[in-house]
PDB file of all heavy atoms in Angstrom:
ATOM      1  N   SER A   1     -38.162  10.286  12.323  1.00  0.00           N
ATOM      2  CA  SER A   1     -39.456   9.693  12.081  1.00  0.00           C
ATOM      3  C   SER A   1     -39.513   9.115  10.682  1.00  0.00           C
ATOM      4  O   SER A   1     -39.064   9.760   9.723  1.00  0.00           O
ATOM      5  CB  SER A   1     -40.552  10.777  12.253  1.00  0.00           C
ATOM      6  OG  SER A   1     -41.803  10.263  11.931  1.00  0.00           O
ATOM      7  N   CYS A   2     -40.053   7.878  10.578  1.00  0.00           N
ATOM      8  CA  CYS A   2     -40.229   7.249   9.240  1.00  0.00           C
ATOM      9  C   CYS A   2     -41.675   6.834   9.070  1.00  0.00           C
ATOM     10  O   CYS A   2     -42.234   6.181   9.913  1.00  0.00           O
ATOM     11  CB  CYS A   2     -39.336   6.039   9.118  1.00  0.00           C
ATOM     12  SG  CYS A   2     -37.557   6.426   8.990  1.00  0.00           S
ATOM     13  N   ASP A   3     -42.224   7.229   7.943  1.00  0.00           N
ATOM     14  CA  ASP A   3     -43.587   6.810   7.537  1.00  0.00           C
ATOM     15  C   ASP A   3     -43.423   5.719   6.488  1.00  0.00           C
ATOM     16  O   ASP A   3     -42.977   5.970   5.381  1.00  0.00           O
ATOM     17  CB  ASP A   3     -44.360   7.990   7.025  1.00  0.00           C
ATOM     18  CG  ASP A   3     -45.829   7.667   6.810  1.00  0.00           C
ATOM     19  OD1 ASP A   3     -46.183   6.505   6.445  1.00  0.00           O
ATOM     20  OD2 ASP A   3     -46.699   8.574   7.021  1.00  0.00           O
ATOM     21  N   PHE A   4     -43.738   4.497   6.852  1.00  0.00           N
ATOM     22  CA  PHE A   4     -43.553   3.369   5.983  1.00  0.00           C
ATOM     23  C   PHE A   4     -44.465   3.390   4.746  1.00  0.00           C
ATOM     24  O   PHE A   4     -44.131   2.801   3.721  1.00  0.00           O
ATOM     25  CB  PHE A   4     -43.713   2.045   6.748  1.00  0.00           C
ATOM     26  CG  PHE A   4     -42.697   1.831   7.821  1.00  0.00           C
ATOM     27  CD1 PHE A   4     -43.068   1.405   9.072  1.00  0.00           C
ATOM     28  CD2 PHE A   4     -41.345   2.089   7.576  1.00  0.00           C
ATOM     29  CE1 PHE A   4     -42.125   1.197  10.060  1.00  0.00           C
ATOM     30  CE2 PHE A   4     -40.404   1.902   8.552  1.00  0.00           C
ATOM     31  CZ  PHE A   4     -40.770   1.439   9.799  1.00  0.00           C
ATOM     32  N   ARG A   5     -45.593   4.023   4.829  1.00  0.00           N
ATOM     33  CA  ARG A   5     -46.513   4.060   3.683  1.00  0.00           C
ATOM     34  C   ARG A   5     -45.866   4.774   2.501  1.00  0.00           C
ATOM     35  O   ARG A   5     -46.100   4.460   1.375  1.00  0.00           O
ATOM     36  CB  ARG A   5     -47.837   4.734   4.043  1.00  0.00           C
ATOM     37  CG  ARG A   5     -48.731   3.908   4.900  1.00  0.00           C
ATOM     38  CD  ARG A   5     -49.941   4.711   5.245  1.00  0.00           C
ATOM     39  NE  ARG A   5     -49.489   5.836   6.058  1.00  0.00           N
ATOM     40  CZ  ARG A   5     -50.252   6.726   6.627  1.00  0.00           C
ATOM     41  NH1 ARG A   5     -51.565   6.631   6.496  1.00  0.00           N
ATOM     42  NH2 ARG A   5     -49.796   7.658   7.376  1.00  0.00           N
ATOM     43  N   TYR A   6     -45.109   5.823   2.819  1.00  0.00           N
ATOM     44  CA  TYR A   6     -44.527   6.649   1.761  1.00  0.00           C
ATOM     45  C   TYR A   6     -43.053   6.503   1.621  1.00  0.00           C
ATOM     46  O   TYR A   6     -42.425   7.234   0.845  1.00  0.00           O
ATOM     47  CB  TYR A   6     -44.876   8.134   2.064  1.00  0.00           C
ATOM     48  CG  TYR A   6     -46.377   8.373   2.247  1.00  0.00           C
ATOM     49  CD1 TYR A   6     -46.909   8.683   3.461  1.00  0.00           C
ATOM     50  CD2 TYR A   6     -47.249   8.254   1.159  1.00  0.00           C
ATOM     51  CE1 TYR A   6     -48.274   8.895   3.639  1.00  0.00           C
ATOM     52  CE2 TYR A   6     -48.576   8.458   1.303  1.00  0.00           C
ATOM     53  CZ  TYR A   6     -49.108   8.767   2.558  1.00  0.00           C
ATOM     54  OH  TYR A   6     -50.441   8.963   2.714  1.00  0.00           O
ATOM     55  N   ASP A   7     -42.437   5.596   2.365  1.00  0.00           N
ATOM     56  CA  ASP A   7     -40.964   5.474   2.395  1.00  0.00           C
ATOM     57  C   ASP A   7     -40.313   6.842   2.610  1.00  0.00           C
ATOM     58  O   ASP A   7     -39.356   7.207   1.933  1.00  0.00           O
ATOM     59  CB  ASP A   7     -40.449   4.859   1.080  1.00  0.00           C
ATOM     60  CG  ASP A   7     -40.801   3.373   0.979  1.00  0.00           C
ATOM     61  OD1 ASP A   7     -40.932   2.722   2.035  1.00  0.00           O
ATOM     62  OD2 ASP A   7     -40.894   2.867  -0.147  1.00  0.00           O
ATOM     63  N   LEU A   8     -40.836   7.573   3.577  1.00  0.00           N
ATOM     64  CA  LEU A   8     -40.376   8.919   3.875  1.00  0.00           C
ATOM     65  C   LEU A   8     -39.872   9.007   5.315  1.00  0.00           C
ATOM     66  O   LEU A   8     -40.601   8.664   6.249  1.00  0.00           O
ATOM     67  CB  LEU A   8     -41.516   9.934   3.674  1.00  0.00           C
ATOM     68  CG  LEU A   8     -41.197  11.361   4.024  1.00  0.00           C
ATOM     69  CD1 LEU A   8     -40.221  11.944   3.042  1.00  0.00           C
ATOM     70  CD2 LEU A   8     -42.484  12.179   4.077  1.00  0.00           C
ATOM     71  N   CYS A   9     -38.649   9.397   5.483  1.00  0.00           N
ATOM     72  CA  CYS A   9     -38.075   9.613   6.811  1.00  0.00           C
ATOM     73  C   CYS A   9     -37.656  11.070   6.970  1.00  0.00           C
ATOM     74  O   CYS A   9     -37.148  11.688   6.023  1.00  0.00           O
ATOM     75  CB  CYS A   9     -36.862   8.686   7.027  1.00  0.00           C
ATOM     76  SG  CYS A   9     -37.274   6.918   6.989  1.00  0.00           S
ATOM     77  N   THR A  10     -37.854  11.587   8.172  1.00  0.00           N
ATOM     78  CA  THR A  10     -37.473  12.983   8.455  1.00  0.00           C
ATOM     79  C   THR A  10     -36.623  13.034   9.729  1.00  0.00           C
ATOM     80  O   THR A  10     -36.770  12.193  10.616  1.00  0.00           O
ATOM     81  CB  THR A  10     -38.716  13.896   8.660  1.00  0.00           C
ATOM     82  OG1 THR A  10     -39.488  13.349   9.743  1.00  0.00           O
ATOM     83  CG2 THR A  10     -39.560  13.945   7.446  1.00  0.00           C
ATOM     84  N   ILE A  11     -35.744  13.985   9.768  1.00  0.00           N
ATOM     85  CA  ILE A  11     -34.930  14.271  10.955  1.00  0.00           C
ATOM     86  C   ILE A  11     -35.211  15.689  11.351  1.00  0.00           C
ATOM     87  O   ILE A  11     -35.111  16.613  10.517  1.00  0.00           O
ATOM     88  CB  ILE A  11     -33.419  14.087  10.641  1.00  0.00           C
ATOM     89  CG1 ILE A  11     -33.115  12.678  10.209  1.00  0.00           C
ATOM     90  CG2 ILE A  11     -32.607  14.471  11.859  1.00  0.00           C
ATOM     91  CD1 ILE A  11     -31.689  12.473   9.745  1.00  0.00           C
ATOM     92  N   THR A  12     -35.623  15.892  12.593  1.00  0.00           N
ATOM     93  CA  THR A  12     -35.949  17.204  13.105  1.00  0.00           C
ATOM     94  C   THR A  12     -35.014  17.498  14.269  1.00  0.00           C
ATOM     95  O   THR A  12     -34.875  16.695  15.191  1.00  0.00           O
ATOM     96  CB  THR A  12     -37.420  17.251  13.577  1.00  0.00           C
ATOM     97  OG1 THR A  12     -38.290  16.836  12.515  1.00  0.00           O
ATOM     98  CG2 THR A  12     -37.793  18.661  14.019  1.00  0.00           C
ATOM     99  N   LEU A  13     -34.398  18.683  14.225  1.00  0.00           N
ATOM    100  CA  LEU A  13     -33.494  19.143  15.291  1.00  0.00           C
ATOM    101  C   LEU A  13     -34.017  20.410  15.897  1.00  0.00           C
ATOM    102  O   LEU A  13     -34.473  21.311  15.206  1.00  0.00           O
ATOM    103  CB  LEU A  13     -32.111  19.399  14.710  1.00  0.00           C
ATOM    104  CG  LEU A  13     -31.441  18.276  13.950  1.00  0.00           C
ATOM    105  CD1 LEU A  13     -30.089  18.733  13.379  1.00  0.00           C
ATOM    106  CD2 LEU A  13     -31.233  17.062  14.837  1.00  0.00           C
ATOM    107  N   SER A  14     -33.953  20.477  17.226  1.00  0.00           N
ATOM    108  CA  SER A  14     -34.344  21.708  17.912  1.00  0.00           C
ATOM    109  C   SER A  14     -33.297  22.751  17.699  1.00  0.00           C
ATOM    110  O   SER A  14     -32.181  22.504  17.255  1.00  0.00           O
ATOM    111  CB  SER A  14     -34.564  21.403  19.412  1.00  0.00           C
ATOM    112  OG  SER A  14     -33.307  21.232  20.041  1.00  0.00           O
ATOM    113  N   GLY A  15     -33.585  23.947  18.172  1.00  0.00           N
ATOM    114  CA  GLY A  15     -32.654  25.074  18.071  1.00  0.00           C
ATOM    115  C   GLY A  15     -31.330  24.839  18.836  1.00  0.00           C
ATOM    116  O   GLY A  15     -30.361  25.464  18.532  1.00  0.00           O
ATOM    117  N   TRP A  16     -31.351  23.953  19.784  1.00  0.00           N
ATOM    118  CA  TRP A  16     -30.140  23.662  20.552  1.00  0.00           C
ATOM    119  C   TRP A  16     -29.052  23.057  19.697  1.00  0.00           C
ATOM    120  O   TRP A  16     -27.885  23.053  20.044  1.00  0.00           O
ATOM    121  CB  TRP A  16     -30.461  22.706  21.728  1.00  0.00           C
ATOM    122  CG  TRP A  16     -31.369  23.335  22.717  1.00  0.00           C
ATOM    123  CD1 TRP A  16     -32.673  22.993  22.936  1.00  0.00           C
ATOM    124  CD2 TRP A  16     -31.023  24.357  23.663  1.00  0.00           C
ATOM    125  NE1 TRP A  16     -33.205  23.800  23.941  1.00  0.00           N
ATOM    126  CE2 TRP A  16     -32.200  24.622  24.384  1.00  0.00           C
ATOM    127  CE3 TRP A  16     -29.887  25.098  23.920  1.00  0.00           C
ATOM    128  CZ2 TRP A  16     -32.238  25.600  25.392  1.00  0.00           C
ATOM    129  CZ3 TRP A  16     -29.928  26.055  24.923  1.00  0.00           C
ATOM    130  CH2 TRP A  16     -31.087  26.323  25.642  1.00  0.00           C
ATOM    131  N   HIS A  17     -29.434  22.524  18.513  1.00  0.00           N
ATOM    132  CA  HIS A  17     -28.483  21.920  17.615  1.00  0.00           C
ATOM    133  C   HIS A  17     -28.061  22.843  16.484  1.00  0.00           C
ATOM    134  O   HIS A  17     -27.455  22.395  15.532  1.00  0.00           O
ATOM    135  CB  HIS A  17     -29.049  20.602  17.054  1.00  0.00           C
ATOM    136  CG  HIS A  17     -29.293  19.564  18.143  1.00  0.00           C
ATOM    137  ND1 HIS A  17     -28.275  18.879  18.747  1.00  0.00           N
ATOM    138  CD2 HIS A  17     -30.424  19.185  18.748  1.00  0.00           C
ATOM    139  CE1 HIS A  17     -28.792  18.099  19.645  1.00  0.00           C
ATOM    140  NE2 HIS A  17     -30.076  18.256  19.691  1.00  0.00           N
ATOM    141  N   HIS A  18     -28.394  24.111  16.619  1.00  0.00           N
ATOM    142  CA  HIS A  18     -28.062  25.113  15.613  1.00  0.00           C
ATOM    143  C   HIS A  18     -26.560  25.190  15.427  1.00  0.00           C
ATOM    144  O   HIS A  18     -25.829  25.536  16.343  1.00  0.00           O
ATOM    145  CB  HIS A  18     -28.619  26.468  16.017  1.00  0.00           C
ATOM    146  CG  HIS A  18     -28.373  27.547  15.032  1.00  0.00           C
ATOM    147  ND1 HIS A  18     -29.155  27.712  13.912  1.00  0.00           N
ATOM    148  CD2 HIS A  18     -27.412  28.497  14.961  1.00  0.00           C
ATOM    149  CE1 HIS A  18     -28.698  28.757  13.209  1.00  0.00           C
ATOM    150  NE2 HIS A  18     -27.650  29.224  13.845  1.00  0.00           N
ATOM    151  N   GLY A  19     -26.086  24.827  14.235  1.00  0.00           N
ATOM    152  CA  GLY A  19     -24.688  24.971  13.885  1.00  0.00           C
ATOM    153  C   GLY A  19     -23.715  23.998  14.515  1.00  0.00           C
ATOM    154  O   GLY A  19     -22.495  24.157  14.348  1.00  0.00           O
ATOM    155  N   ILE A  20     -24.196  22.969  15.238  1.00  0.00           N
ATOM    156  CA  ILE A  20     -23.242  22.029  15.840  1.00  0.00           C
ATOM    157  C   ILE A  20     -23.313  20.638  15.209  1.00  0.00           C
ATOM    158  O   ILE A  20     -22.630  19.707  15.650  1.00  0.00           O
ATOM    159  CB  ILE A  20     -23.424  21.926  17.346  1.00  0.00           C
ATOM    160  CG1 ILE A  20     -24.818  21.373  17.718  1.00  0.00           C
ATOM    161  CG2 ILE A  20     -23.172  23.233  18.040  1.00  0.00           C
ATOM    162  CD1 ILE A  20     -24.967  21.031  19.198  1.00  0.00           C
ATOM    163  N   SER A  21     -24.137  20.502  14.190  1.00  0.00           N
ATOM    164  CA  SER A  21     -24.236  19.217  13.493  1.00  0.00           C
ATOM    165  C   SER A  21     -23.759  19.385  12.053  1.00  0.00           C
ATOM    166  O   SER A  21     -23.742  20.479  11.520  1.00  0.00           O
ATOM    167  CB  SER A  21     -25.665  18.664  13.537  1.00  0.00           C
ATOM    168  OG  SER A  21     -26.532  19.544  12.865  1.00  0.00           O
ATOM    169  N   ALA A  22     -23.359  18.282  11.480  1.00  0.00           N
ATOM    170  CA  ALA A  22     -22.925  18.284  10.117  1.00  0.00           C
ATOM    171  C   ALA A  22     -23.153  16.902   9.495  1.00  0.00           C
ATOM    172  O   ALA A  22     -23.418  15.938  10.182  1.00  0.00           O
ATOM    173  CB  ALA A  22     -21.446  18.671  10.018  1.00  0.00           C
ATOM    174  N   GLY A  23     -23.003  16.867   8.203  1.00  0.00           N
ATOM    175  CA  GLY A  23     -23.235  15.602   7.445  1.00  0.00           C
ATOM    176  C   GLY A  23     -23.778  15.955   6.077  1.00  0.00           C
ATOM    177  O   GLY A  23     -23.739  17.111   5.630  1.00  0.00           O
ATOM    178  N   LEU A  24     -24.309  14.946   5.433  1.00  0.00           N
ATOM    179  CA  LEU A  24     -24.879  15.144   4.104  1.00  0.00           C
ATOM    180  C   LEU A  24     -26.065  16.109   4.123  1.00  0.00           C
ATOM    181  O   LEU A  24     -26.387  16.760   3.146  1.00  0.00           O
ATOM    182  CB  LEU A  24     -25.327  13.802   3.513  1.00  0.00           C
ATOM    183  CG  LEU A  24     -25.275  13.663   2.026  1.00  0.00           C
ATOM    184  CD1 LEU A  24     -23.876  13.896   1.480  1.00  0.00           C
ATOM    185  CD2 LEU A  24     -25.754  12.272   1.615  1.00  0.00           C
ATOM    186  N   PHE A  25     -26.728  16.252   5.305  1.00  0.00           N
ATOM    187  CA  PHE A  25     -27.867  17.164   5.423  1.00  0.00           C
ATOM    188  C   PHE A  25     -27.425  18.564   5.742  1.00  0.00           C
ATOM    189  O   PHE A  25     -28.224  19.439   5.993  1.00  0.00           O
ATOM    190  CB  PHE A  25     -28.841  16.669   6.500  1.00  0.00           C
ATOM    191  CG  PHE A  25     -29.699  15.550   6.075  1.00  0.00           C
ATOM    192  CD1 PHE A  25     -30.490  14.878   6.979  1.00  0.00           C
ATOM    193  CD2 PHE A  25     -29.748  15.097   4.733  1.00  0.00           C
ATOM    194  CE1 PHE A  25     -31.302  13.814   6.605  1.00  0.00           C
ATOM    195  CE2 PHE A  25     -30.546  14.055   4.358  1.00  0.00           C
ATOM    196  CZ  PHE A  25     -31.323  13.408   5.274  1.00  0.00           C
ATOM    197  N   GLY A  26     -26.128  18.848   5.743  1.00  0.00           N
ATOM    198  CA  GLY A  26     -25.627  20.205   5.928  1.00  0.00           C
ATOM    199  C   GLY A  26     -25.281  20.523   7.369  1.00  0.00           C
ATOM    200  O   GLY A  26     -25.195  19.642   8.215  1.00  0.00           O
ATOM    201  N   THR A  27     -25.168  21.847   7.643  1.00  0.00           N
ATOM    202  CA  THR A  27     -24.645  22.283   8.929  1.00  0.00           C
ATOM    203  C   THR A  27     -25.726  22.751   9.867  1.00  0.00           C
ATOM    204  O   THR A  27     -25.396  23.104  11.002  1.00  0.00           O
ATOM    205  CB  THR A  27     -23.674  23.460   8.694  1.00  0.00           C
ATOM    206  OG1 THR A  27     -24.314  24.460   7.920  1.00  0.00           O
ATOM    207  CG2 THR A  27     -22.411  22.992   7.944  1.00  0.00           C
ATOM    208  N   ASN A  28     -26.964  22.843   9.466  1.00  0.00           N
ATOM    209  CA  ASN A  28     -28.058  23.226  10.328  1.00  0.00           C
ATOM    210  C   ASN A  28     -27.817  24.566  11.003  1.00  0.00           C
ATOM    211  O   ASN A  28     -28.021  24.761  12.194  1.00  0.00           O
ATOM    212  CB  ASN A  28     -28.339  22.141  11.375  1.00  0.00           C
ATOM    213  CG  ASN A  28     -29.603  22.388  12.140  1.00  0.00           C
ATOM    214  OD1 ASN A  28     -30.617  22.845  11.598  1.00  0.00           O
ATOM    215  ND2 ASN A  28     -29.586  22.123  13.438  1.00  0.00           N
ATOM    216  N   ASP A  29     -27.394  25.533  10.196  1.00  0.00           N
ATOM    217  CA  ASP A  29     -27.218  26.881  10.765  1.00  0.00           C
ATOM    218  C   ASP A  29     -27.911  27.970   9.943  1.00  0.00           C
ATOM    219  O   ASP A  29     -27.636  29.189  10.126  1.00  0.00           O
ATOM    220  CB  ASP A  29     -25.736  27.226  10.937  1.00  0.00           C
ATOM    221  CG  ASP A  29     -24.974  27.233   9.624  1.00  0.00           C
ATOM    222  OD1 ASP A  29     -25.575  27.029   8.562  1.00  0.00           O
ATOM    223  OD2 ASP A  29     -23.748  27.519   9.631  1.00  0.00           O
ATOM    224  N   ASN A  30     -28.772  27.583   9.033  1.00  0.00           N
ATOM    225  CA  ASN A  30     -29.562  28.507   8.186  1.00  0.00           C
ATOM    226  C   ASN A  30     -28.660  29.403   7.297  1.00  0.00           C
ATOM    227  O   ASN A  30     -29.112  30.427   6.855  1.00  0.00           O
ATOM    228  CB  ASN A  30     -30.457  29.424   9.046  1.00  0.00           C
ATOM    229  CG  ASN A  30     -31.537  28.615   9.744  1.00  0.00           C
ATOM    230  OD1 ASN A  30     -32.047  27.634   9.179  1.00  0.00           O
ATOM    231  ND2 ASN A  30     -31.896  29.012  10.938  1.00  0.00           N
ATOM    232  N   GLU A  31     -27.472  28.950   7.027  1.00  0.00           N
ATOM    233  CA  GLU A  31     -26.564  29.678   6.103  1.00  0.00           C
ATOM    234  C   GLU A  31     -26.446  28.858   4.837  1.00  0.00           C
ATOM    235  O   GLU A  31     -25.832  27.786   4.836  1.00  0.00           O
ATOM    236  CB  GLU A  31     -25.201  29.905   6.734  1.00  0.00           C
ATOM    237  CG  GLU A  31     -25.189  30.777   7.966  1.00  0.00           C
ATOM    238  CD  GLU A  31     -25.551  32.208   7.653  1.00  0.00           C
ATOM    239  OE1 GLU A  31     -25.292  32.669   6.520  1.00  0.00           O
ATOM    240  OE2 GLU A  31     -26.095  32.895   8.530  1.00  0.00           O
ATOM    241  N   ALA A  32     -27.027  29.329   3.774  1.00  0.00           N
ATOM    242  CA  ALA A  32     -27.010  28.570   2.491  1.00  0.00           C
ATOM    243  C   ALA A  32     -25.578  28.432   1.933  1.00  0.00           C
ATOM    244  O   ALA A  32     -25.268  27.451   1.245  1.00  0.00           O
ATOM    245  CB  ALA A  32     -27.890  29.253   1.450  1.00  0.00           C
ATOM    246  N   GLY A  33     -24.720  29.339   2.280  1.00  0.00           N
ATOM    247  CA  GLY A  33     -23.380  29.340   1.708  1.00  0.00           C
ATOM    248  C   GLY A  33     -22.433  28.261   2.235  1.00  0.00           C
ATOM    249  O   GLY A  33     -21.395  27.994   1.626  1.00  0.00           O
TER     250      GLY A  33
END
């Protein structure tokens, strides 16, 4: 989702994507390490 007024974009993943994605936004597994 991107809000053009604020130049703000968000990516939201459901729990089905827990730990199976990666990239600059991290691993999405709630492990800070």
